[in-house]
Amino acid sequence: MFNFNNNQFLVIQAGFIDNDIQMAWDLKSFDNVYSKRDFYDIMNDFGLSDNYIDKKLESKNSNRLTKLYTNSDVNIILFNVKKENYDDFLKNIKTFEYLN
């Protein structure tokens, strides 16, 4: 988990992948994430409490975004990202590569 200025987070959930790597990435809005509970579980894994997450989601305004970038094996969450920074965040995460 990376915490950038102004409580903008980049969260990467990945482990060892022992199957064929799926290369088809999908960008989902928070509303389309598998379930709200799955989102909370991922964020809890990084030490963020439900209360903290709720405060950020409730206080978000039209200037903040939360998105999930996933290929089913890896989840990358852009959490509470300012809209003006979103394109830069997305451009950077699209450059991530698997290492052998």
PDB file of N, CA and C in Angstrom:
ATOM      1  N   MET A   1       0.846  -1.171   0.000  1.00  0.00           N
ATOM      2  CA  MET A   1       0.000   0.000   0.000  1.00  0.00           C
ATOM      3  C   MET A   1       0.885   1.225   0.000  1.00  0.00           C
ATOM      4  N   PHE A   2       0.551   2.191  -0.836  1.00  0.00           N
ATOM      5  CA  PHE A   2       1.262   3.446  -0.903  1.00  0.00           C
ATOM      6  C   PHE A   2       0.279   4.559  -0.559  1.00  0.00           C
ATOM      7  N   ASN A   3       0.655   5.408   0.386  1.00  0.00           N
ATOM      8  CA  ASN A   3      -0.167   6.540   0.796  1.00  0.00           C
ATOM      9  C   ASN A   3       0.493   7.797   0.251  1.00  0.00           C
ATOM     10  N   PHE A   4      -0.149   8.421  -0.727  1.00  0.00           N
ATOM     11  CA  PHE A   4       0.374   9.627  -1.341  1.00  0.00           C
ATOM     12  C   PHE A   4      -0.198  10.856  -0.642  1.00  0.00           C
ATOM     13  N   ASN A   5       0.250  12.023  -1.045  1.00  0.00           N
ATOM     14  CA  ASN A   5      -0.245  13.276  -0.468  1.00  0.00           C
ATOM     15  C   ASN A   5      -1.769  13.310  -0.467  1.00  0.00           C
ATOM     16  N   ASN A   6      -2.312  13.960   0.538  1.00  0.00           N
ATOM     17  CA  ASN A   6      -3.761  14.179   0.646  1.00  0.00           C
ATOM     18  C   ASN A   6      -4.559  12.883   0.747  1.00  0.00           C
ATOM     19  N   ASN A   7      -3.986  11.866   1.408  1.00  0.00           N
ATOM     20  CA  ASN A   7      -4.676  10.594   1.627  1.00  0.00           C
ATOM     21  C   ASN A   7      -5.174   9.949   0.342  1.00  0.00           C
ATOM     22  N   GLN A   8      -4.328   9.958  -0.679  1.00  0.00           N
ATOM     23  CA  GLN A   8      -4.596   9.218  -1.906  1.00  0.00           C
ATOM     24  C   GLN A   8      -3.821   7.914  -1.789  1.00  0.00           C
ATOM     25  N   PHE A   9      -4.499   6.791  -2.035  1.00  0.00           N
ATOM     26  CA  PHE A   9      -3.875   5.489  -1.836  1.00  0.00           C
ATOM     27  C   PHE A   9      -3.803   4.705  -3.136  1.00  0.00           C
ATOM     28  N   LEU A  10      -2.720   3.969  -3.270  1.00  0.00           N
ATOM     29  CA  LEU A  10      -2.564   2.961  -4.308  1.00  0.00           C
ATOM     30  C   LEU A  10      -2.324   1.658  -3.563  1.00  0.00           C
ATOM     31  N   VAL A  11      -3.226   0.709  -3.723  1.00  0.00           N
ATOM     32  CA  VAL A  11      -3.158  -0.558  -3.001  1.00  0.00           C
ATOM     33  C   VAL A  11      -3.009  -1.679  -4.024  1.00  0.00           C
ATOM     34  N   ILE A  12      -1.985  -2.501  -3.834  1.00  0.00           N
ATOM     35  CA  ILE A  12      -1.747  -3.627  -4.736  1.00  0.00           C
ATOM     36  C   ILE A  12      -1.898  -4.911  -3.939  1.00  0.00           C
ATOM     37  N   GLN A  13      -2.806  -5.762  -4.386  1.00  0.00           N
ATOM     38  CA  GLN A  13      -3.015  -7.061  -3.747  1.00  0.00           C
ATOM     39  C   GLN A  13      -2.632  -8.130  -4.766  1.00  0.00           C
ATOM     40  N   ALA A  14      -1.504  -8.775  -4.516  1.00  0.00           N
ATOM     41  CA  ALA A  14      -1.030  -9.821  -5.414  1.00  0.00           C
ATOM     42  C   ALA A  14      -0.167 -10.779  -4.618  1.00  0.00           C
ATOM     43  N   GLY A  15      -0.091 -11.968  -5.090  1.00  0.00           N
ATOM     44  CA  GLY A  15       0.761 -12.963  -4.464  1.00  0.00           C
ATOM     45  C   GLY A  15       1.478 -13.725  -5.551  1.00  0.00           C
ATOM     46  N   PHE A  16       1.953 -14.876  -5.209  1.00  0.00           N
ATOM     47  CA  PHE A  16       2.570 -15.721  -6.214  1.00  0.00           C
ATOM     48  C   PHE A  16       1.466 -16.298  -7.084  1.00  0.00           C
ATOM     49  N   ILE A  17       1.683 -16.254  -8.352  1.00  0.00           N
ATOM     50  CA  ILE A  17       0.675 -16.720  -9.287  1.00  0.00           C
ATOM     51  C   ILE A  17       1.187 -18.008  -9.912  1.00  0.00           C
ATOM     52  N   ASP A  18       0.499 -19.112  -9.655  1.00  0.00           N
ATOM     53  CA  ASP A  18       0.965 -20.394 -10.167  1.00  0.00           C
ATOM     54  C   ASP A  18       0.125 -20.899 -11.338  1.00  0.00           C
ATOM     55  N   ASN A  19      -0.661 -20.028 -11.893  1.00  0.00           N
ATOM     56  CA  ASN A  19      -1.452 -20.391 -13.061  1.00  0.00           C
ATOM     57  C   ASN A  19      -1.081 -19.447 -14.198  1.00  0.00           C
ATOM     58  N   ASP A  20      -1.699 -19.654 -15.336  1.00  0.00           N
ATOM     59  CA  ASP A  20      -1.437 -18.761 -16.460  1.00  0.00           C
ATOM     60  C   ASP A  20      -1.867 -17.349 -16.089  1.00  0.00           C
ATOM     61  N   ILE A  21      -0.998 -16.409 -16.373  1.00  0.00           N
ATOM     62  CA  ILE A  21      -1.293 -15.015 -16.056  1.00  0.00           C
ATOM     63  C   ILE A  21      -2.330 -14.493 -17.044  1.00  0.00           C
ATOM     64  N   GLN A  22      -3.375 -13.944 -16.514  1.00  0.00           N
ATOM     65  CA  GLN A  22      -4.396 -13.345 -17.353  1.00  0.00           C
ATOM     66  C   GLN A  22      -3.957 -11.927 -17.695  1.00  0.00           C
ATOM     67  N   MET A  23      -3.886 -11.625 -18.944  1.00  0.00           N
ATOM     68  CA  MET A  23      -3.396 -10.320 -19.349  1.00  0.00           C
ATOM     69  C   MET A  23      -4.517  -9.311 -19.597  1.00  0.00           C
ATOM     70  N   ALA A  24      -5.758  -9.744 -19.593  1.00  0.00           N
ATOM     71  CA  ALA A  24      -6.876  -8.843 -19.844  1.00  0.00           C
ATOM     72  C   ALA A  24      -7.209  -8.076 -18.571  1.00  0.00           C
ATOM     73  N   TRP A  25      -6.839  -6.828 -18.537  1.00  0.00           N
ATOM     74  CA  TRP A  25      -7.105  -5.980 -17.383  1.00  0.00           C
ATOM     75  C   TRP A  25      -8.451  -5.310 -17.548  1.00  0.00           C
ATOM     76  N   ASP A  26      -9.110  -5.070 -16.428  1.00  0.00           N
ATOM     77  CA  ASP A  26     -10.434  -4.461 -16.422  1.00  0.00           C
ATOM     78  C   ASP A  26     -10.442  -3.363 -15.373  1.00  0.00           C
ATOM     79  N   LEU A  27     -11.022  -2.242 -15.700  1.00  0.00           N
ATOM     80  CA  LEU A  27     -11.144  -1.126 -14.766  1.00  0.00           C
ATOM     81  C   LEU A  27     -12.587  -1.046 -14.310  1.00  0.00           C
ATOM     82  N   LYS A  28     -12.784  -1.120 -12.994  1.00  0.00           N
ATOM     83  CA  LYS A  28     -14.137  -1.122 -12.446  1.00  0.00           C
ATOM     84  C   LYS A  28     -14.291   0.029 -11.462  1.00  0.00           C
ATOM     85  N   SER A  29     -15.462   0.623 -11.479  1.00  0.00           N
ATOM     86  CA  SER A  29     -15.744   1.645 -10.482  1.00  0.00           C
ATOM     87  C   SER A  29     -16.055   0.954  -9.167  1.00  0.00           C
ATOM     88  N   PHE A  30     -16.025   1.684  -8.099  1.00  0.00           N
ATOM     89  CA  PHE A  30     -16.284   1.103  -6.777  1.00  0.00           C
ATOM     90  C   PHE A  30     -17.627   0.397  -6.749  1.00  0.00           C
ATOM     91  N   ASP A  31     -18.617   0.934  -7.418  1.00  0.00           N
ATOM     92  CA  ASP A  31     -19.955   0.347  -7.418  1.00  0.00           C
ATOM     93  C   ASP A  31     -19.980  -1.016  -8.104  1.00  0.00           C
ATOM     94  N   ASN A  32     -19.014  -1.282  -8.988  1.00  0.00           N
ATOM     95  CA  ASN A  32     -19.000  -2.538  -9.723  1.00  0.00           C
ATOM     96  C   ASN A  32     -17.993  -3.544  -9.175  1.00  0.00           C
ATOM     97  N   VAL A  33     -17.296  -3.199  -8.102  1.00  0.00           N
ATOM     98  CA  VAL A  33     -16.375  -4.147  -7.494  1.00  0.00           C
ATOM     99  C   VAL A  33     -17.190  -5.336  -7.025  1.00  0.00           C
ATOM    100  N   TYR A  34     -16.600  -6.527  -7.068  1.00  0.00           N
ATOM    101  CA  TYR A  34     -17.346  -7.759  -6.792  1.00  0.00           C
ATOM    102  C   TYR A  34     -18.360  -7.579  -5.684  1.00  0.00           C
ATOM    103  N   SER A  35     -17.942  -7.052  -4.581  1.00  0.00           N
ATOM    104  CA  SER A  35     -18.883  -6.699  -3.519  1.00  0.00           C
ATOM    105  C   SER A  35     -18.191  -5.709  -2.609  1.00  0.00           C
ATOM    106  N   LYS A  36     -18.986  -4.950  -1.903  1.00  0.00           N
ATOM    107  CA  LYS A  36     -18.407  -3.985  -0.982  1.00  0.00           C
ATOM    108  C   LYS A  36     -17.550  -4.705   0.064  1.00  0.00           C
ATOM    109  N   ARG A  37     -17.968  -5.875   0.477  1.00  0.00           N
ATOM    110  CA  ARG A  37     -17.216  -6.628   1.490  1.00  0.00           C
ATOM    111  C   ARG A  37     -15.834  -7.031   0.974  1.00  0.00           C
ATOM    112  N   ASP A  38     -15.757  -7.457  -0.298  1.00  0.00           N
ATOM    113  CA  ASP A  38     -14.458  -7.809  -0.872  1.00  0.00           C
ATOM    114  C   ASP A  38     -13.519  -6.604  -0.872  1.00  0.00           C
ATOM    115  N   PHE A  39     -14.056  -5.458  -1.208  1.00  0.00           N
ATOM    116  CA  PHE A  39     -13.255  -4.229  -1.202  1.00  0.00           C
ATOM    117  C   PHE A  39     -12.737  -3.956   0.209  1.00  0.00           C
ATOM    118  N   TYR A  40     -13.611  -4.057   1.187  1.00  0.00           N
ATOM    119  CA  TYR A  40     -13.200  -3.822   2.578  1.00  0.00           C
ATOM    120  C   TYR A  40     -12.155  -4.847   3.013  1.00  0.00           C
ATOM    121  N   ASP A  41     -12.339  -6.115   2.613  1.00  0.00           N
ATOM    122  CA  ASP A  41     -11.374  -7.149   2.983  1.00  0.00           C
ATOM    123  C   ASP A  41      -9.988  -6.829   2.435  1.00  0.00           C
ATOM    124  N   ILE A  42      -9.918  -6.403   1.192  1.00  0.00           N
ATOM    125  CA  ILE A  42      -8.635  -6.032   0.599  1.00  0.00           C
ATOM    126  C   ILE A  42      -8.014  -4.879   1.373  1.00  0.00           C
ATOM    127  N   MET A  43      -8.799  -3.852   1.655  1.00  0.00           N
ATOM    128  CA  MET A  43      -8.273  -2.683   2.359  1.00  0.00           C
ATOM    129  C   MET A  43      -7.889  -3.039   3.802  1.00  0.00           C
ATOM    130  N   ASN A  44      -8.664  -3.912   4.454  1.00  0.00           N
ATOM    131  CA  ASN A  44      -8.348  -4.340   5.818  1.00  0.00           C
ATOM    132  C   ASN A  44      -7.020  -5.081   5.871  1.00  0.00           C
ATOM    133  N   ASP A  45      -6.709  -5.824   4.815  1.00  0.00           N
ATOM    134  CA  ASP A  45      -5.434  -6.542   4.755  1.00  0.00           C
ATOM    135  C   ASP A  45      -4.247  -5.588   4.900  1.00  0.00           C
ATOM    136  N   PHE A  46      -4.457  -4.331   4.587  1.00  0.00           N
ATOM    137  CA  PHE A  46      -3.392  -3.337   4.666  1.00  0.00           C
ATOM    138  C   PHE A  46      -3.519  -2.445   5.891  1.00  0.00           C
ATOM    139  N   GLY A  47      -4.315  -2.885   6.854  1.00  0.00           N
ATOM    140  CA  GLY A  47      -4.388  -2.182   8.131  1.00  0.00           C
ATOM    141  C   GLY A  47      -5.348  -1.010   8.178  1.00  0.00           C
ATOM    142  N   LEU A  48      -6.193  -0.866   7.180  1.00  0.00           N
ATOM    143  CA  LEU A  48      -7.177   0.216   7.199  1.00  0.00           C
ATOM    144  C   LEU A  48      -8.482  -0.328   7.764  1.00  0.00           C
ATOM    145  N   SER A  49      -8.999   0.316   8.782  1.00  0.00           N
ATOM    146  CA  SER A  49     -10.229  -0.149   9.424  1.00  0.00           C
ATOM    147  C   SER A  49     -11.456   0.221   8.593  1.00  0.00           C
ATOM    148  N   ASP A  50     -12.547  -0.507   8.830  1.00  0.00           N
ATOM    149  CA  ASP A  50     -13.804  -0.185   8.157  1.00  0.00           C
ATOM    150  C   ASP A  50     -14.213   1.257   8.434  1.00  0.00           C
ATOM    151  N   ASN A  51     -14.016   1.719   9.666  1.00  0.00           N
ATOM    152  CA  ASN A  51     -14.392   3.091  10.017  1.00  0.00           C
ATOM    153  C   ASN A  51     -13.589   4.107   9.216  1.00  0.00           C
ATOM    154  N   TYR A  52     -12.293   3.868   9.073  1.00  0.00           N
ATOM    155  CA  TYR A  52     -11.452   4.781   8.294  1.00  0.00           C
ATOM    156  C   TYR A  52     -11.903   4.797   6.838  1.00  0.00           C
ATOM    157  N   ILE A  53     -12.146   3.616   6.285  1.00  0.00           N
ATOM    158  CA  ILE A  53     -12.583   3.514   4.892  1.00  0.00           C
ATOM    159  C   ILE A  53     -13.922   4.225   4.712  1.00  0.00           C
ATOM    160  N   ASP A  54     -14.866   3.973   5.637  1.00  0.00           N
ATOM    161  CA  ASP A  54     -16.174   4.626   5.558  1.00  0.00           C
ATOM    162  C   ASP A  54     -16.042   6.137   5.584  1.00  0.00           C
ATOM    163  N   LYS A  55     -15.190   6.647   6.466  1.00  0.00           N
ATOM    164  CA  LYS A  55     -15.012   8.103   6.552  1.00  0.00           C
ATOM    165  C   LYS A  55     -14.518   8.659   5.223  1.00  0.00           C
ATOM    166  N   LYS A  56     -13.574   7.978   4.589  1.00  0.00           N
ATOM    167  CA  LYS A  56     -13.053   8.457   3.310  1.00  0.00           C
ATOM    168  C   LYS A  56     -14.103   8.368   2.212  1.00  0.00           C
ATOM    169  N   LEU A  57     -14.851   7.269   2.177  1.00  0.00           N
ATOM    170  CA  LEU A  57     -15.870   7.124   1.143  1.00  0.00           C
ATOM    171  C   LEU A  57     -17.031   8.085   1.352  1.00  0.00           C
ATOM    172  N   GLU A  58     -17.419   8.303   2.605  1.00  0.00           N
ATOM    173  CA  GLU A  58     -18.525   9.207   2.897  1.00  0.00           C
ATOM    174  C   GLU A  58     -18.131  10.659   2.653  1.00  0.00           C
ATOM    175  N   SER A  59     -16.862  10.977   2.914  1.00  0.00           N
ATOM    176  CA  SER A  59     -16.433  12.360   2.775  1.00  0.00           C
ATOM    177  C   SER A  59     -15.969  12.672   1.359  1.00  0.00           C
ATOM    178  N   LYS A  60     -15.910  11.610   0.521  1.00  0.00           N
ATOM    179  CA  LYS A  60     -15.440  11.887  -0.829  1.00  0.00           C
ATOM    180  C   LYS A  60     -16.435  12.807  -1.514  1.00  0.00           C
ATOM    181  N   ASN A  61     -15.906  13.649  -2.325  1.00  0.00           N
ATOM    182  CA  ASN A  61     -16.764  14.554  -3.065  1.00  0.00           C
ATOM    183  C   ASN A  61     -16.534  14.317  -4.550  1.00  0.00           C
ATOM    184  N   SER A  62     -17.044  15.164  -5.361  1.00  0.00           N
ATOM    185  CA  SER A  62     -16.916  14.976  -6.802  1.00  0.00           C
ATOM    186  C   SER A  62     -15.469  15.092  -7.264  1.00  0.00           C
ATOM    187  N   ASN A  63     -14.567  15.440  -6.366  1.00  0.00           N
ATOM    188  CA  ASN A  63     -13.164  15.593  -6.718  1.00  0.00           C
ATOM    189  C   ASN A  63     -12.344  14.329  -6.426  1.00  0.00           C
ATOM    190  N   ARG A  64     -12.957  13.253  -5.896  1.00  0.00           N
ATOM    191  CA  ARG A  64     -12.229  12.030  -5.523  1.00  0.00           C
ATOM    192  C   ARG A  64     -12.810  10.812  -6.236  1.00  0.00           C
ATOM    193  N   LEU A  65     -11.937   9.842  -6.531  1.00  0.00           N
ATOM    194  CA  LEU A  65     -12.347   8.609  -7.195  1.00  0.00           C
ATOM    195  C   LEU A  65     -11.793   7.396  -6.462  1.00  0.00           C
ATOM    196  N   THR A  66     -12.529   6.313  -6.503  1.00  0.00           N
ATOM    197  CA  THR A  66     -12.049   5.020  -6.043  1.00  0.00           C
ATOM    198  C   THR A  66     -12.348   4.032  -7.158  1.00  0.00           C
ATOM    199  N   LYS A  67     -11.299   3.381  -7.674  1.00  0.00           N
ATOM    200  CA  LYS A  67     -11.431   2.458  -8.803  1.00  0.00           C
ATOM    201  C   LYS A  67     -10.627   1.201  -8.524  1.00  0.00           C
ATOM    202  N   LEU A  68     -11.050   0.105  -9.143  1.00  0.00           N
ATOM    203  CA  LEU A  68     -10.341  -1.163  -9.079  1.00  0.00           C
ATOM    204  C   LEU A  68      -9.844  -1.507 -10.471  1.00  0.00           C
ATOM    205  N   TYR A  69      -8.547  -1.776 -10.579  1.00  0.00           N
ATOM    206  CA  TYR A  69      -7.921  -2.216 -11.817  1.00  0.00           C
ATOM    207  C   TYR A  69      -7.496  -3.652 -11.574  1.00  0.00           C
ATOM    208  N   THR A  70      -8.073  -4.611 -12.309  1.00  0.00           N
ATOM    209  CA  THR A  70      -7.845  -6.020 -11.990  1.00  0.00           C
ATOM    210  C   THR A  70      -7.739  -6.878 -13.239  1.00  0.00           C
ATOM    211  N   ASN A  71      -7.006  -7.979 -13.099  1.00  0.00           N
ATOM    212  CA  ASN A  71      -6.984  -9.005 -14.139  1.00  0.00           C
ATOM    213  C   ASN A  71      -7.378 -10.349 -13.535  1.00  0.00           C
ATOM    214  N   SER A  72      -8.052 -10.339 -12.430  1.00  0.00           N
ATOM    215  CA  SER A  72      -8.521 -11.493 -11.663  1.00  0.00           C
ATOM    216  C   SER A  72      -7.438 -12.116 -10.792  1.00  0.00           C
ATOM    217  N   ASP A  73      -6.172 -11.956 -11.139  1.00  0.00           N
ATOM    218  CA  ASP A  73      -5.079 -12.459 -10.319  1.00  0.00           C
ATOM    219  C   ASP A  73      -4.513 -11.367  -9.423  1.00  0.00           C
ATOM    220  N   VAL A  74      -4.552 -10.148  -9.905  1.00  0.00           N
ATOM    221  CA  VAL A  74      -3.990  -8.999  -9.200  1.00  0.00           C
ATOM    222  C   VAL A  74      -5.068  -7.920  -9.104  1.00  0.00           C
ATOM    223  N   ASN A  75      -5.189  -7.326  -7.917  1.00  0.00           N
ATOM    224  CA  ASN A  75      -6.095  -6.196  -7.718  1.00  0.00           C
ATOM    225  C   ASN A  75      -5.262  -4.963  -7.398  1.00  0.00           C
ATOM    226  N   ILE A  76      -5.492  -3.902  -8.141  1.00  0.00           N
ATOM    227  CA  ILE A  76      -4.861  -2.618  -7.855  1.00  0.00           C
ATOM    228  C   ILE A  76      -5.993  -1.633  -7.607  1.00  0.00           C
ATOM    229  N   ILE A  77      -6.004  -1.068  -6.418  1.00  0.00           N
ATOM    230  CA  ILE A  77      -7.074  -0.143  -6.053  1.00  0.00           C
ATOM    231  C   ILE A  77      -6.520   1.273  -5.986  1.00  0.00           C
ATOM    232  N   LEU A  78      -7.166   2.153  -6.696  1.00  0.00           N
ATOM    233  CA  LEU A  78      -6.914   3.591  -6.560  1.00  0.00           C
ATOM    234  C   LEU A  78      -8.004   4.078  -5.624  1.00  0.00           C
ATOM    235  N   PHE A  79      -7.604   4.465  -4.429  1.00  0.00           N
ATOM    236  CA  PHE A  79      -8.565   4.793  -3.382  1.00  0.00           C
ATOM    237  C   PHE A  79      -8.434   6.256  -2.988  1.00  0.00           C
ATOM    238  N   ASN A  80      -9.544   6.984  -3.108  1.00  0.00           N
ATOM    239  CA  ASN A  80      -9.607   8.374  -2.673  1.00  0.00           C
ATOM    240  C   ASN A  80      -8.665   9.268  -3.491  1.00  0.00           C
ATOM    241  N   VAL A  81      -8.513   8.969  -4.773  1.00  0.00           N
ATOM    242  CA  VAL A  81      -7.598   9.702  -5.645  1.00  0.00           C
ATOM    243  C   VAL A  81      -8.290  10.949  -6.190  1.00  0.00           C
ATOM    244  N   LYS A  82      -7.576  12.061  -6.146  1.00  0.00           N
ATOM    245  CA  LYS A  82      -8.117  13.297  -6.723  1.00  0.00           C
ATOM    246  C   LYS A  82      -8.278  13.121  -8.229  1.00  0.00           C
ATOM    247  N   LYS A  83      -9.374  13.640  -8.755  1.00  0.00           N
ATOM    248  CA  LYS A  83      -9.651  13.494 -10.180  1.00  0.00           C
ATOM    249  C   LYS A  83      -8.520  14.038 -11.044  1.00  0.00           C
ATOM    250  N   GLU A  84      -7.930  15.138 -10.636  1.00  0.00           N
ATOM    251  CA  GLU A  84      -6.865  15.723 -11.457  1.00  0.00           C
ATOM    252  C   GLU A  84      -5.604  14.853 -11.471  1.00  0.00           C
ATOM    253  N   ASN A  85      -5.492  13.908 -10.551  1.00  0.00           N
ATOM    254  CA  ASN A  85      -4.337  13.000 -10.504  1.00  0.00           C
ATOM    255  C   ASN A  85      -4.640  11.622 -11.082  1.00  0.00           C
ATOM    256  N   TYR A  86      -5.897  11.354 -11.355  1.00  0.00           N
ATOM    257  CA  TYR A  86      -6.320  10.016 -11.769  1.00  0.00           C
ATOM    258  C   TYR A  86      -5.597   9.528 -13.027  1.00  0.00           C
ATOM    259  N   ASP A  87      -5.528  10.345 -14.061  1.00  0.00           N
ATOM    260  CA  ASP A  87      -4.884   9.912 -15.309  1.00  0.00           C
ATOM    261  C   ASP A  87      -3.430   9.526 -15.090  1.00  0.00           C
ATOM    262  N   ASP A  88      -2.720  10.276 -14.253  1.00  0.00           N
ATOM    263  CA  ASP A  88      -1.317   9.948 -13.957  1.00  0.00           C
ATOM    264  C   ASP A  88      -1.209   8.635 -13.198  1.00  0.00           C
ATOM    265  N   PHE A  89      -2.081   8.428 -12.217  1.00  0.00           N
ATOM    266  CA  PHE A  89      -2.085   7.166 -11.471  1.00  0.00           C
ATOM    267  C   PHE A  89      -2.343   6.001 -12.431  1.00  0.00           C
ATOM    268  N   LEU A  90      -3.365   6.124 -13.259  1.00  0.00           N
ATOM    269  CA  LEU A  90      -3.738   5.047 -14.169  1.00  0.00           C
ATOM    270  C   LEU A  90      -2.624   4.769 -15.169  1.00  0.00           C
ATOM    271  N   LYS A  91      -2.032   5.807 -15.709  1.00  0.00           N
ATOM    272  CA  LYS A  91      -0.930   5.635 -16.660  1.00  0.00           C
ATOM    273  C   LYS A  91       0.228   4.877 -16.010  1.00  0.00           C
ATOM    274  N   ASN A  92       0.524   5.211 -14.778  1.00  0.00           N
ATOM    275  CA  ASN A  92       1.633   4.553 -14.083  1.00  0.00           C
ATOM    276  C   ASN A  92       1.339   3.092 -13.752  1.00  0.00           C
ATOM    277  N   ILE A  93       0.118   2.783 -13.296  1.00  0.00           N
ATOM    278  CA  ILE A  93      -0.157   1.384 -12.949  1.00  0.00           C
ATOM    279  C   ILE A  93      -0.218   0.500 -14.188  1.00  0.00           C
ATOM    280  N   LYS A  94      -0.520   1.078 -15.328  1.00  0.00           N
ATOM    281  CA  LYS A  94      -0.536   0.289 -16.557  1.00  0.00           C
ATOM    282  C   LYS A  94       0.869  -0.107 -17.000  1.00  0.00           C
ATOM    283  N   THR A  95       1.880   0.474 -16.405  1.00  0.00           N
ATOM    284  CA  THR A  95       3.257   0.112 -16.744  1.00  0.00           C
ATOM    285  C   THR A  95       3.786  -1.018 -15.873  1.00  0.00           C
ATOM    286  N   PHE A  96       3.042  -1.428 -14.846  1.00  0.00           N
ATOM    287  CA  PHE A  96       3.496  -2.513 -13.971  1.00  0.00           C
ATOM    288  C   PHE A  96       3.624  -3.799 -14.771  1.00  0.00           C
ATOM    289  N   GLU A  97       4.652  -4.574 -14.454  1.00  0.00           N
ATOM    290  CA  GLU A  97       4.892  -5.834 -15.146  1.00  0.00           C
ATOM    291  C   GLU A  97       5.116  -6.947 -14.134  1.00  0.00           C
ATOM    292  N   TYR A  98       4.783  -8.172 -14.557  1.00  0.00           N
ATOM    293  CA  TYR A  98       5.100  -9.347 -13.747  1.00  0.00           C
ATOM    294  C   TYR A  98       6.586  -9.649 -13.906  1.00  0.00           C
ATOM    295  N   LEU A  99       7.230 -10.040 -12.824  1.00  0.00           N
ATOM    296  CA  LEU A  99       8.623 -10.446 -12.892  1.00  0.00           C
ATOM    297  C   LEU A  99       8.713 -11.962 -12.783  1.00  0.00           C
ATOM    298  N   ASN A 100       9.581 -12.550 -13.549  1.00  0.00           N
ATOM    299  CA  ASN A 100       9.775 -13.998 -13.503  1.00  0.00           C
ATOM    300  C   ASN A 100      10.860 -14.345 -12.501  1.00  0.00           C
TER     301      ASN A 100
END
